[in-house]
């Protein structure tokens, strides 16, 4: 027998998916409402949201300096030259 799907109540998996969408500003208002209802009574969802917020904050506040394309190409060229010397 098929269960009737509730309007506001969602599963933990759905809540996690909506939480991830909300992190990237892709969740609709209805999805956010459903997530908040789930958040009120589900310990697992609260824990997931807390970890997700902490991860997002850590990534945004990190000061990562990456190589630009010209630096990558220069490094690759040097690497290939060193490989040729080894052979």
PDB file of N, CA and C in Angstrom:
ATOM      1  N   UNK A   1       0.831  -1.176   0.000  1.00  0.00           N
ATOM      2  CA  UNK A   1       0.000   0.000   0.000  1.00  0.00           C
ATOM      3  C   UNK A   1       0.879   1.244   0.000  1.00  0.00           C
ATOM      4  N   UNK A   2       0.576   2.173  -0.839  1.00  0.00           N
ATOM      5  CA  UNK A   2       1.371   3.386  -0.985  1.00  0.00           C
ATOM      6  C   UNK A   2       0.979   4.413   0.074  1.00  0.00           C
ATOM      7  N   UNK A   3       1.989   5.006   0.715  1.00  0.00           N
ATOM      8  CA  UNK A   3       1.709   6.034   1.706  1.00  0.00           C
ATOM      9  C   UNK A   3       1.498   7.369   1.026  1.00  0.00           C
ATOM     10  N   UNK A   4       0.607   8.149   1.601  1.00  0.00           N
ATOM     11  CA  UNK A   4       0.339   9.482   1.077  1.00  0.00           C
ATOM     12  C   UNK A   4       1.493  10.398   1.470  1.00  0.00           C
ATOM     13  N   UNK A   5       2.013  11.121   0.531  1.00  0.00           N
ATOM     14  CA  UNK A   5       3.127  12.018   0.786  1.00  0.00           C
ATOM     15  C   UNK A   5       2.617  13.294   1.451  1.00  0.00           C
ATOM     16  N   UNK A   6       3.232  13.657   2.556  1.00  0.00           N
ATOM     17  CA  UNK A   6       2.816  14.836   3.299  1.00  0.00           C
ATOM     18  C   UNK A   6       3.308  16.110   2.619  1.00  0.00           C
ATOM     19  N   UNK A   7       2.572  17.171   2.823  1.00  0.00           N
ATOM     20  CA  UNK A   7       2.900  18.447   2.193  1.00  0.00           C
ATOM     21  C   UNK A   7       4.138  19.090   2.812  1.00  0.00           C
ATOM     22  N   UNK A   8       4.219  19.120   4.142  1.00  0.00           N
ATOM     23  CA  UNK A   8       5.333  19.805   4.798  1.00  0.00           C
ATOM     24  C   UNK A   8       6.395  18.870   5.368  1.00  0.00           C
ATOM     25  N   UNK A   9       6.062  17.614   5.605  1.00  0.00           N
ATOM     26  CA  UNK A   9       7.017  16.712   6.230  1.00  0.00           C
ATOM     27  C   UNK A   9       7.830  15.980   5.168  1.00  0.00           C
ATOM     28  N   UNK A  10       9.140  16.007   5.339  1.00  0.00           N
ATOM     29  CA  UNK A  10      10.063  15.416   4.373  1.00  0.00           C
ATOM     30  C   UNK A  10      10.981  14.434   5.089  1.00  0.00           C
ATOM     31  N   UNK A  11      11.629  13.580   4.333  1.00  0.00           N
ATOM     32  CA  UNK A  11      12.568  12.610   4.909  1.00  0.00           C
ATOM     33  C   UNK A  11      13.909  13.290   5.196  1.00  0.00           C
ATOM     34  N   UNK A  12      14.747  12.579   5.919  1.00  0.00           N
ATOM     35  CA  UNK A  12      16.093  13.098   6.221  1.00  0.00           C
ATOM     36  C   UNK A  12      16.892  13.312   4.936  1.00  0.00           C
ATOM     37  N   UNK A  13      16.779  12.381   4.006  1.00  0.00           N
ATOM     38  CA  UNK A  13      17.518  12.507   2.745  1.00  0.00           C
ATOM     39  C   UNK A  13      17.074  13.740   1.967  1.00  0.00           C
ATOM     40  N   UNK A  14      15.764  13.974   1.936  1.00  0.00           N
ATOM     41  CA  UNK A  14      15.261  15.169   1.255  1.00  0.00           C
ATOM     42  C   UNK A  14      15.750  16.431   1.959  1.00  0.00           C
ATOM     43  N   UNK A  15      15.765  16.388   3.294  1.00  0.00           N
ATOM     44  CA  UNK A  15      16.224  17.544   4.067  1.00  0.00           C
ATOM     45  C   UNK A  15      17.690  17.844   3.769  1.00  0.00           C
ATOM     46  N   UNK A  16      18.504  16.817   3.665  1.00  0.00           N
ATOM     47  CA  UNK A  16      19.924  17.013   3.352  1.00  0.00           C
ATOM     48  C   UNK A  16      20.097  17.620   1.966  1.00  0.00           C
ATOM     49  N   UNK A  17      19.306  17.118   1.024  1.00  0.00           N
ATOM     50  CA  UNK A  17      19.377  17.643  -0.343  1.00  0.00           C
ATOM     51  C   UNK A  17      18.959  19.120  -0.381  1.00  0.00           C
ATOM     52  N   UNK A  18      17.887  19.453   0.313  1.00  0.00           N
ATOM     53  CA  UNK A  18      17.414  20.844   0.352  1.00  0.00           C
ATOM     54  C   UNK A  18      18.430  21.729   1.064  1.00  0.00           C
ATOM     55  N   UNK A  19      19.051  21.209   2.112  1.00  0.00           N
ATOM     56  CA  UNK A  19      20.078  21.969   2.835  1.00  0.00           C
ATOM     57  C   UNK A  19      21.236  22.307   1.907  1.00  0.00           C
ATOM     58  N   UNK A  20      21.655  21.344   1.109  1.00  0.00           N
ATOM     59  CA  UNK A  20      22.738  21.589   0.152  1.00  0.00           C
ATOM     60  C   UNK A  20      22.319  22.622  -0.891  1.00  0.00           C
ATOM     61  N   UNK A  21      21.071  22.526  -1.361  1.00  0.00           N
ATOM     62  CA  UNK A  21      20.571  23.500  -2.332  1.00  0.00           C
ATOM     63  C   UNK A  21      20.508  24.894  -1.712  1.00  0.00           C
ATOM     64  N   UNK A  22      20.079  24.970  -0.459  1.00  0.00           N
ATOM     65  CA  UNK A  22      19.973  26.263   0.226  1.00  0.00           C
ATOM     66  C   UNK A  22      21.350  26.898   0.403  1.00  0.00           C
ATOM     67  N   UNK A  23      22.355  26.069   0.603  1.00  0.00           N
ATOM     68  CA  UNK A  23      23.721  26.561   0.757  1.00  0.00           C
ATOM     69  C   UNK A  23      24.165  27.323  -0.487  1.00  0.00           C
ATOM     70  N   UNK A  24      23.720  26.866  -1.654  1.00  0.00           N
ATOM     71  CA  UNK A  24      24.102  27.502  -2.913  1.00  0.00           C
ATOM     72  C   UNK A  24      23.012  28.421  -3.454  1.00  0.00           C
ATOM     73  N   UNK A  25      22.067  28.788  -2.592  1.00  0.00           N
ATOM     74  CA  UNK A  25      20.979  29.719  -2.941  1.00  0.00           C
ATOM     75  C   UNK A  25      20.116  29.193  -4.086  1.00  0.00           C
ATOM     76  N   UNK A  26      19.888  27.877  -4.131  1.00  0.00           N
ATOM     77  CA  UNK A  26      19.085  27.267  -5.181  1.00  0.00           C
ATOM     78  C   UNK A  26      17.755  26.724  -4.663  1.00  0.00           C
ATOM     79  N   UNK A  27      17.513  26.801  -3.362  1.00  0.00           N
ATOM     80  CA  UNK A  27      16.292  26.249  -2.784  1.00  0.00           C
ATOM     81  C   UNK A  27      15.159  27.268  -2.859  1.00  0.00           C
ATOM     82  N   UNK A  28      13.954  26.762  -3.125  1.00  0.00           N
ATOM     83  CA  UNK A  28      12.780  27.637  -3.177  1.00  0.00           C
ATOM     84  C   UNK A  28      12.308  27.949  -1.756  1.00  0.00           C
ATOM     85  N   UNK A  29      11.389  28.873  -1.642  1.00  0.00           N
ATOM     86  CA  UNK A  29      10.852  29.250  -0.330  1.00  0.00           C
ATOM     87  C   UNK A  29      10.123  28.067   0.296  1.00  0.00           C
ATOM     88  N   UNK A  30       9.361  27.334  -0.503  1.00  0.00           N
ATOM     89  CA  UNK A  30       8.638  26.163   0.000  1.00  0.00           C
ATOM     90  C   UNK A  30       9.614  25.107   0.519  1.00  0.00           C
ATOM     91  N   UNK A  31      10.698  24.883  -0.195  1.00  0.00           N
ATOM     92  CA  UNK A  31      11.701  23.914   0.253  1.00  0.00           C
ATOM     93  C   UNK A  31      12.342  24.364   1.561  1.00  0.00           C
ATOM     94  N   UNK A  32      12.609  25.647   1.688  1.00  0.00           N
ATOM     95  CA  UNK A  32      13.184  26.168   2.929  1.00  0.00           C
ATOM     96  C   UNK A  32      12.211  26.000   4.090  1.00  0.00           C
ATOM     97  N   UNK A  33      10.907  26.207   3.827  1.00  0.00           N
ATOM     98  CA  UNK A  33       9.895  26.001   4.867  1.00  0.00           C
ATOM     99  C   UNK A  33       9.881  24.543   5.309  1.00  0.00           C
ATOM    100  N   UNK A  34       9.907  23.628   4.360  1.00  0.00           N
ATOM    101  CA  UNK A  34       9.920  22.201   4.677  1.00  0.00           C
ATOM    102  C   UNK A  34      11.157  21.842   5.495  1.00  0.00           C
ATOM    103  N   UNK A  35      12.283  22.411   5.125  1.00  0.00           N
ATOM    104  CA  UNK A  35      13.528  22.156   5.847  1.00  0.00           C
ATOM    105  C   UNK A  35      13.429  22.668   7.282  1.00  0.00           C
ATOM    106  N   UNK A  36      12.851  23.849   7.465  1.00  0.00           N
ATOM    107  CA  UNK A  36      12.705  24.408   8.810  1.00  0.00           C
ATOM    108  C   UNK A  36      11.767  23.577   9.673  1.00  0.00           C
ATOM    109  N   UNK A  37      10.699  23.033   9.091  1.00  0.00           N
ATOM    110  CA  UNK A  37       9.798  22.156   9.845  1.00  0.00           C
ATOM    111  C   UNK A  37      10.555  20.909  10.280  1.00  0.00           C
ATOM    112  N   UNK A  38      11.315  20.337   9.380  1.00  0.00           N
ATOM    113  CA  UNK A  38      12.104  19.143   9.698  1.00  0.00           C
ATOM    114  C   UNK A  38      13.161  19.473  10.763  1.00  0.00           C
ATOM    115  N   UNK A  39      13.750  20.646  10.660  1.00  0.00           N
ATOM    116  CA  UNK A  39      14.794  21.101  11.586  1.00  0.00           C
ATOM    117  C   UNK A  39      14.276  21.162  13.025  1.00  0.00           C
ATOM    118  N   UNK A  40      13.010  21.525  13.186  1.00  0.00           N
ATOM    119  CA  UNK A  40      12.435  21.691  14.520  1.00  0.00           C
ATOM    120  C   UNK A  40      12.415  20.401  15.329  1.00  0.00           C
ATOM    121  N   UNK A  41      12.228  19.265  14.683  1.00  0.00           N
ATOM    122  CA  UNK A  41      12.072  18.040  15.451  1.00  0.00           C
ATOM    123  C   UNK A  41      13.077  16.938  15.152  1.00  0.00           C
ATOM    124  N   UNK A  42      13.951  17.129  14.188  1.00  0.00           N
ATOM    125  CA  UNK A  42      14.883  16.058  13.821  1.00  0.00           C
ATOM    126  C   UNK A  42      16.314  16.405  14.236  1.00  0.00           C
ATOM    127  N   UNK A  43      16.848  15.604  15.135  1.00  0.00           N
ATOM    128  CA  UNK A  43      18.207  15.820  15.633  1.00  0.00           C
ATOM    129  C   UNK A  43      19.256  15.601  14.538  1.00  0.00           C
ATOM    130  N   UNK A  44      19.029  14.620  13.679  1.00  0.00           N
ATOM    131  CA  UNK A  44      19.970  14.309  12.597  1.00  0.00           C
ATOM    132  C   UNK A  44      20.055  15.480  11.617  1.00  0.00           C
ATOM    133  N   UNK A  45      18.896  16.044  11.277  1.00  0.00           N
ATOM    134  CA  UNK A  45      18.865  17.181  10.350  1.00  0.00           C
ATOM    135  C   UNK A  45      19.557  18.393  10.960  1.00  0.00           C
ATOM    136  N   UNK A  46      19.301  18.649  12.246  1.00  0.00           N
ATOM    137  CA  UNK A  46      19.973  19.776  12.918  1.00  0.00           C
ATOM    138  C   UNK A  46      21.483  19.604  12.874  1.00  0.00           C
ATOM    139  N   UNK A  47      21.943  18.391  13.131  1.00  0.00           N
ATOM    140  CA  UNK A  47      23.378  18.107  13.110  1.00  0.00           C
ATOM    141  C   UNK A  47      23.957  18.320  11.713  1.00  0.00           C
ATOM    142  N   UNK A  48      23.249  17.848  10.688  1.00  0.00           N
ATOM    143  CA  UNK A  48      23.717  17.996   9.304  1.00  0.00           C
ATOM    144  C   UNK A  48      23.798  19.471   8.915  1.00  0.00           C
ATOM    145  N   UNK A  49      22.765  20.231   9.255  1.00  0.00           N
ATOM    146  CA  UNK A  49      22.741  21.661   8.921  1.00  0.00           C
ATOM    147  C   UNK A  49      23.876  22.392   9.637  1.00  0.00           C
ATOM    148  N   UNK A  50      24.101  22.032  10.891  1.00  0.00           N
ATOM    149  CA  UNK A  50      25.176  22.665  11.667  1.00  0.00           C
ATOM    150  C   UNK A  50      26.538  22.408  11.019  1.00  0.00           C
ATOM    151  N   UNK A  51      26.793  21.147  10.633  1.00  0.00           N
ATOM    152  CA  UNK A  51      28.063  20.810   9.982  1.00  0.00           C
ATOM    153  C   UNK A  51      28.192  21.486   8.620  1.00  0.00           C
ATOM    154  N   UNK A  52      27.090  21.568   7.893  1.00  0.00           N
ATOM    155  CA  UNK A  52      27.094  22.184   6.571  1.00  0.00           C
ATOM    156  C   UNK A  52      27.405  23.679   6.677  1.00  0.00           C
ATOM    157  N   UNK A  53      26.804  24.348   7.664  1.00  0.00           N
ATOM    158  CA  UNK A  53      27.071  25.778   7.867  1.00  0.00           C
ATOM    159  C   UNK A  53      28.528  26.005   8.262  1.00  0.00           C
ATOM    160  N   UNK A  54      29.050  25.133   9.123  1.00  0.00           N
ATOM    161  CA  UNK A  54      30.441  25.256   9.563  1.00  0.00           C
ATOM    162  C   UNK A  54      31.397  25.072   8.384  1.00  0.00           C
ATOM    163  N   UNK A  55      31.126  24.085   7.543  1.00  0.00           N
ATOM    164  CA  UNK A  55      31.954  23.841   6.364  1.00  0.00           C
ATOM    165  C   UNK A  55      31.907  25.029   5.409  1.00  0.00           C
ATOM    166  N   UNK A  56      30.712  25.549   5.158  1.00  0.00           N
ATOM    167  CA  UNK A  56      30.549  26.694   4.264  1.00  0.00           C
ATOM    168  C   UNK A  56      31.317  27.898   4.790  1.00  0.00           C
ATOM    169  N   UNK A  57      31.201  28.158   6.086  1.00  0.00           N
ATOM    170  CA  UNK A  57      31.904  29.295   6.690  1.00  0.00           C
ATOM    171  C   UNK A  57      33.417  29.116   6.574  1.00  0.00           C
ATOM    172  N   UNK A  58      33.899  27.915   6.828  1.00  0.00           N
ATOM    173  CA  UNK A  58      35.338  27.641   6.754  1.00  0.00           C
ATOM    174  C   UNK A  58      35.869  27.861   5.346  1.00  0.00           C
ATOM    175  N   UNK A  59      35.136  27.383   4.364  1.00  0.00           N
ATOM    176  CA  UNK A  59      35.574  27.534   2.971  1.00  0.00           C
ATOM    177  C   UNK A  59      35.555  28.995   2.550  1.00  0.00           C
ATOM    178  N   UNK A  60      34.504  29.723   2.930  1.00  0.00           N
ATOM    179  CA  UNK A  60      34.408  31.132   2.542  1.00  0.00           C
ATOM    180  C   UNK A  60      35.473  31.984   3.227  1.00  0.00           C
ATOM    181  N   UNK A  61      35.817  31.642   4.469  1.00  0.00           N
ATOM    182  CA  UNK A  61      36.779  32.460   5.201  1.00  0.00           C
ATOM    183  C   UNK A  61      38.230  32.070   4.922  1.00  0.00           C
ATOM    184  N   UNK A  62      38.446  30.957   4.226  1.00  0.00           N
ATOM    185  CA  UNK A  62      39.817  30.539   3.931  1.00  0.00           C
ATOM    186  C   UNK A  62      40.418  31.455   2.871  1.00  0.00           C
ATOM    187  N   UNK A  63      41.694  31.656   2.979  1.00  0.00           N
ATOM    188  CA  UNK A  63      42.400  32.522   2.038  1.00  0.00           C
ATOM    189  C   UNK A  63      43.305  31.640   1.183  1.00  0.00           C
ATOM    190  N   UNK A  64      42.729  31.087   0.135  1.00  0.00           N
ATOM    191  CA  UNK A  64      43.459  30.151  -0.719  1.00  0.00           C
ATOM    192  C   UNK A  64      44.009  30.891  -1.930  1.00  0.00           C
ATOM    193  N   UNK A  65      45.295  30.747  -2.145  1.00  0.00           N
ATOM    194  CA  UNK A  65      45.936  31.344  -3.315  1.00  0.00           C
ATOM    195  C   UNK A  65      46.318  30.229  -4.276  1.00  0.00           C
ATOM    196  N   UNK A  66      45.721  30.242  -5.445  1.00  0.00           N
ATOM    197  CA  UNK A  66      45.992  29.221  -6.462  1.00  0.00           C
ATOM    198  C   UNK A  66      46.882  29.800  -7.555  1.00  0.00           C
ATOM    199  N   UNK A  67      47.498  28.911  -8.283  1.00  0.00           N
ATOM    200  CA  UNK A  67      48.315  29.340  -9.416  1.00  0.00           C
ATOM    201  C   UNK A  67      47.416  29.769 -10.568  1.00  0.00           C
ATOM    202  N   UNK A  68      47.825  30.812 -11.259  1.00  0.00           N
ATOM    203  CA  UNK A  68      47.069  31.182 -12.462  1.00  0.00           C
ATOM    204  C   UNK A  68      47.561  30.316 -13.625  1.00  0.00           C
ATOM    205  N   UNK A  69      46.935  30.444 -14.784  1.00  0.00           N
ATOM    206  CA  UNK A  69      47.247  29.563 -15.919  1.00  0.00           C
ATOM    207  C   UNK A  69      48.690  29.676 -16.388  1.00  0.00           C
ATOM    208  N   UNK A  70      49.227  30.884 -16.445  1.00  0.00           N
ATOM    209  CA  UNK A  70      50.608  31.038 -16.921  1.00  0.00           C
ATOM    210  C   UNK A  70      51.593  30.386 -15.946  1.00  0.00           C
ATOM    211  N   UNK A  71      51.336  30.504 -14.658  1.00  0.00           N
ATOM    212  CA  UNK A  71      52.203  29.858 -13.669  1.00  0.00           C
ATOM    213  C   UNK A  71      52.114  28.333 -13.773  1.00  0.00           C
ATOM    214  N   UNK A  72      50.908  27.829 -13.996  1.00  0.00           N
ATOM    215  CA  UNK A  72      50.729  26.381 -14.157  1.00  0.00           C
ATOM    216  C   UNK A  72      51.489  25.873 -15.374  1.00  0.00           C
ATOM    217  N   UNK A  73      51.382  26.601 -16.488  1.00  0.00           N
ATOM    218  CA  UNK A  73      52.066  26.191 -17.714  1.00  0.00           C
ATOM    219  C   UNK A  73      53.578  26.224 -17.529  1.00  0.00           C
ATOM    220  N   UNK A  74      54.077  27.253 -16.862  1.00  0.00           N
ATOM    221  CA  UNK A  74      55.512  27.366 -16.606  1.00  0.00           C
ATOM    222  C   UNK A  74      55.982  26.193 -15.739  1.00  0.00           C
ATOM    223  N   UNK A  75      55.235  25.877 -14.717  1.00  0.00           N
ATOM    224  CA  UNK A  75      55.576  24.774 -13.831  1.00  0.00           C
ATOM    225  C   UNK A  75      55.536  23.440 -14.580  1.00  0.00           C
ATOM    226  N   UNK A  76      54.544  23.283 -15.440  1.00  0.00           N
ATOM    227  CA  UNK A  76      54.426  22.066 -16.240  1.00  0.00           C
ATOM    228  C   UNK A  76      55.615  21.919 -17.197  1.00  0.00           C
ATOM    229  N   UNK A  77      56.005  23.027 -17.790  1.00  0.00           N
ATOM    230  CA  UNK A  77      57.144  23.025 -18.714  1.00  0.00           C
ATOM    231  C   UNK A  77      58.419  22.618 -17.973  1.00  0.00           C
ATOM    232  N   UNK A  78      58.645  23.177 -16.801  1.00  0.00           N
ATOM    233  CA  UNK A  78      59.820  22.828 -16.003  1.00  0.00           C
ATOM    234  C   UNK A  78      59.795  21.348 -15.619  1.00  0.00           C
ATOM    235  N   UNK A  79      58.625  20.880 -15.265  1.00  0.00           N
ATOM    236  CA  UNK A  79      58.476  19.479 -14.876  1.00  0.00           C
ATOM    237  C   UNK A  79      58.835  18.549 -16.034  1.00  0.00           C
ATOM    238  N   UNK A  80      58.351  18.860 -17.219  1.00  0.00           N
ATOM    239  CA  UNK A  80      58.649  18.048 -18.402  1.00  0.00           C
ATOM    240  C   UNK A  80      60.136  18.073 -18.726  1.00  0.00           C
ATOM    241  N   UNK A  81      60.772  19.233 -18.572  1.00  0.00           N
ATOM    242  CA  UNK A  81      62.212  19.341 -18.821  1.00  0.00           C
ATOM    243  C   UNK A  81      62.992  18.471 -17.840  1.00  0.00           C
ATOM    244  N   UNK A  82      62.586  18.496 -16.589  1.00  0.00           N
ATOM    245  CA  UNK A  82      63.259  17.673 -15.582  1.00  0.00           C
ATOM    246  C   UNK A  82      63.052  16.182 -15.861  1.00  0.00           C
ATOM    247  N   UNK A  83      61.883  15.830 -16.346  1.00  0.00           N
ATOM    248  CA  UNK A  83      61.629  14.431 -16.703  1.00  0.00           C
ATOM    249  C   UNK A  83      62.529  13.981 -17.849  1.00  0.00           C
ATOM    250  N   UNK A  84      62.720  14.848 -18.833  1.00  0.00           N
ATOM    251  CA  UNK A  84      63.589  14.522 -19.966  1.00  0.00           C
ATOM    252  C   UNK A  84      65.020  14.311 -19.501  1.00  0.00           C
ATOM    253  N   UNK A  85      65.469  15.106 -18.532  1.00  0.00           N
ATOM    254  CA  UNK A  85      66.821  14.960 -17.999  1.00  0.00           C
ATOM    255  C   UNK A  85      66.990  13.609 -17.306  1.00  0.00           C
ATOM    256  N   UNK A  86      65.942  13.133 -16.661  1.00  0.00           N
ATOM    257  CA  UNK A  86      65.995  11.874 -15.920  1.00  0.00           C
ATOM    258  C   UNK A  86      66.046  10.661 -16.849  1.00  0.00           C
ATOM    259  N   UNK A  87      65.529  10.800 -18.060  1.00  0.00           N
ATOM    260  CA  UNK A  87      65.455   9.646 -18.970  1.00  0.00           C
ATOM    261  C   UNK A  87      66.680   9.460 -19.753  1.00  0.00           C
TER     262      UNK A  87
END
